[in-house]
Amino acid sequence: MFEHPSEETLSIIKEIEATPATTQRIISNKLGISLGKTNYLLKALIKKGF
């Protein structure tokens, strides 16, 4: 079953689309989430094929 992405996940996707050369640290600072959570969400996106 398809699960809806979280707001944080959608925000990460938007940040990457806007600035493809960005870093995890920059994304985490812009979104106000920890670097570890940013890394976790990015790994999940990669696993899903994004």
C-alpha atoms as a PDB file:
ATOM      1  CA  MET A   1       0.000   0.000   0.000  1.00  0.00           C
ATOM      2  CA  PHE A   2       1.209   3.506  -0.765  1.00  0.00           C
ATOM      3  CA  GLU A   3       2.105   5.637   2.229  1.00  0.00           C
ATOM      4  CA  HIS A   4       1.989   9.415   1.988  1.00  0.00           C
ATOM      5  CA  PRO A   5       5.348  11.150   2.418  1.00  0.00           C
ATOM      6  CA  SER A   6       5.816  13.334   5.481  1.00  0.00           C
ATOM      7  CA  GLU A   7       6.049  17.106   5.261  1.00  0.00           C
ATOM      8  CA  GLU A   8       9.757  16.821   6.055  1.00  0.00           C
ATOM      9  CA  THR A   9      10.296  14.381   3.197  1.00  0.00           C
ATOM     10  CA  LEU A  10       8.443  16.630   0.768  1.00  0.00           C
ATOM     11  CA  SER A  11      10.481  19.606   1.957  1.00  0.00           C
ATOM     12  CA  ILE A  12      13.718  17.695   1.371  1.00  0.00           C
ATOM     13  CA  ILE A  13      12.627  16.829  -2.169  1.00  0.00           C
ATOM     14  CA  LYS A  14      11.766  20.485  -2.844  1.00  0.00           C
ATOM     15  CA  GLU A  15      15.137  21.652  -1.496  1.00  0.00           C
ATOM     16  CA  ILE A  16      17.006  19.196  -3.698  1.00  0.00           C
ATOM     17  CA  GLU A  17      14.968  20.220  -6.746  1.00  0.00           C
ATOM     18  CA  ALA A  18      15.671  23.909  -6.050  1.00  0.00           C
ATOM     19  CA  THR A  19      19.388  23.418  -5.338  1.00  0.00           C
ATOM     20  CA  PRO A  20      20.721  20.051  -6.570  1.00  0.00           C
ATOM     21  CA  ALA A  21      24.260  20.753  -5.293  1.00  0.00           C
ATOM     22  CA  THR A  22      23.074  21.306  -1.706  1.00  0.00           C
ATOM     23  CA  THR A  23      24.388  19.312   1.256  1.00  0.00           C
ATOM     24  CA  GLN A  24      22.620  17.405   3.998  1.00  0.00           C
ATOM     25  CA  ARG A  25      23.841  19.969   6.515  1.00  0.00           C
ATOM     26  CA  ILE A  26      22.361  22.859   4.541  1.00  0.00           C
ATOM     27  CA  ILE A  27      19.053  21.017   4.146  1.00  0.00           C
ATOM     28  CA  SER A  28      18.875  20.217   7.856  1.00  0.00           C
ATOM     29  CA  ASN A  29      19.611  23.851   8.789  1.00  0.00           C
ATOM     30  CA  LYS A  30      17.020  25.245   6.345  1.00  0.00           C
ATOM     31  CA  LEU A  31      14.316  22.826   7.487  1.00  0.00           C
ATOM     32  CA  GLY A  32      15.168  22.947  11.181  1.00  0.00           C
ATOM     33  CA  ILE A  33      15.630  19.198  11.550  1.00  0.00           C
ATOM     34  CA  SER A  34      18.642  17.288  12.799  1.00  0.00           C
ATOM     35  CA  LEU A  35      21.386  16.187  10.448  1.00  0.00           C
ATOM     36  CA  GLY A  36      20.773  12.570  11.484  1.00  0.00           C
ATOM     37  CA  LYS A  37      17.080  12.769  10.594  1.00  0.00           C
ATOM     38  CA  THR A  38      17.924  14.400   7.270  1.00  0.00           C
ATOM     39  CA  ASN A  39      20.314  11.547   6.530  1.00  0.00           C
ATOM     40  CA  TYR A  40      17.686   8.964   7.535  1.00  0.00           C
ATOM     41  CA  LEU A  41      15.006  10.532   5.314  1.00  0.00           C
ATOM     42  CA  LEU A  42      17.391  10.815   2.356  1.00  0.00           C
ATOM     43  CA  LYS A  43      18.381   7.160   2.676  1.00  0.00           C
ATOM     44  CA  ALA A  44      14.687   6.210   2.716  1.00  0.00           C
ATOM     45  CA  LEU A  45      14.103   8.249  -0.442  1.00  0.00           C
ATOM     46  CA  ILE A  46      17.051   6.561  -2.160  1.00  0.00           C
ATOM     47  CA  LYS A  47      15.736   3.143  -1.118  1.00  0.00           C
ATOM     48  CA  LYS A  48      12.345   4.023  -2.654  1.00  0.00           C
ATOM     49  CA  GLY A  49      14.062   5.011  -5.899  1.00  0.00           C
ATOM     50  CA  PHE A  50      13.981   8.799  -5.775  1.00  0.00           C
END
